[in-house]
């Protein structure tokens, strides 16, 4: 599963919404036994903060 863009409107930023979206995406991917290709810069940085999810990352296309 490629996550290629994460966007939260400016008015809602700073509330942890992007993190919640990312965590839910990882939950859904795990349920479906999918790996995630982090094409989005936010997700690339997210993985650095959530080392426990590194096993779900792939860079293969």
Protein backbone atom coordinates (compact mmCIF):
# COMPACT_ATOMS: atom_id res chain seq x y z
CA UNK A 1 0.00 0.00 0.00
CA UNK A 2 1.46 3.34 -1.01
CA UNK A 3 0.84 6.35 1.18
CA UNK A 4 1.75 9.12 -1.23
CA UNK A 5 0.13 12.15 0.36
CA UNK A 6 -1.02 13.14 3.83
CA UNK A 7 -2.91 16.39 4.11
CA UNK A 8 -4.71 18.20 6.90
CA UNK A 9 -6.26 21.61 6.17
CA UNK A 10 -4.35 24.43 7.83
CA UNK A 11 -7.24 25.30 10.14
CA UNK A 12 -7.01 21.81 11.71
CA UNK A 13 -3.23 21.47 11.92
CA UNK A 14 -1.44 21.10 15.23
CA UNK A 15 -4.12 18.83 16.70
CA UNK A 16 -2.50 15.48 15.94
CA UNK A 17 -4.93 14.67 13.15
CA UNK A 18 -2.24 13.60 10.66
CA UNK A 19 -0.77 11.25 13.24
CA UNK A 20 -4.19 9.71 13.90
CA UNK A 21 -4.73 9.27 10.15
CA UNK A 22 -1.33 7.64 9.77
CA UNK A 23 -1.86 5.30 12.72
CA UNK A 24 -5.23 4.23 11.33
CA UNK A 25 -3.70 3.59 7.91
CA UNK A 26 -1.09 1.35 9.53
CA UNK A 27 -3.78 -0.48 11.51
CA UNK A 28 -5.78 -1.14 8.35
CA UNK A 29 -2.68 -2.27 6.47
CA UNK A 30 -1.75 -4.67 9.28
CA UNK A 31 -5.29 -6.11 9.32
CA UNK A 32 -5.04 -6.77 5.58
CA UNK A 33 -1.44 -8.04 5.86
CA UNK A 34 -0.12 -5.26 3.62
CA UNK A 35 3.20 -3.48 3.65
CA UNK A 36 3.37 0.28 3.32
CA UNK A 37 5.52 2.18 0.85
CA UNK A 38 6.09 5.60 2.44
CA UNK A 39 6.07 7.88 -0.60
CA UNK A 40 4.80 10.77 1.54
CA UNK A 41 7.34 12.90 3.43
CA UNK A 42 5.07 13.01 6.48
CA UNK A 43 4.93 9.21 6.62
CA UNK A 44 8.70 8.96 6.17
CA UNK A 45 9.15 11.17 9.25
CA UNK A 46 6.32 9.40 11.07
CA UNK A 47 8.20 6.11 10.80
CA UNK A 48 11.25 7.68 12.47
CA UNK A 49 9.08 8.45 15.50
CA UNK A 50 7.25 5.10 15.47
CA UNK A 51 10.03 2.51 15.23
CA UNK A 52 7.55 -0.20 16.23
CA UNK A 53 5.99 0.10 12.77
CA UNK A 54 9.22 -0.30 10.78
CA UNK A 55 8.40 -3.95 10.07
CA UNK A 56 5.53 -2.76 7.89
CA UNK A 57 7.66 -0.64 5.56
CA UNK A 58 8.78 -1.55 2.07
CA UNK A 59 10.56 0.51 -0.56
CA UNK A 60 9.80 -1.86 -3.43
CA UNK A 61 7.58 -0.58 -6.22
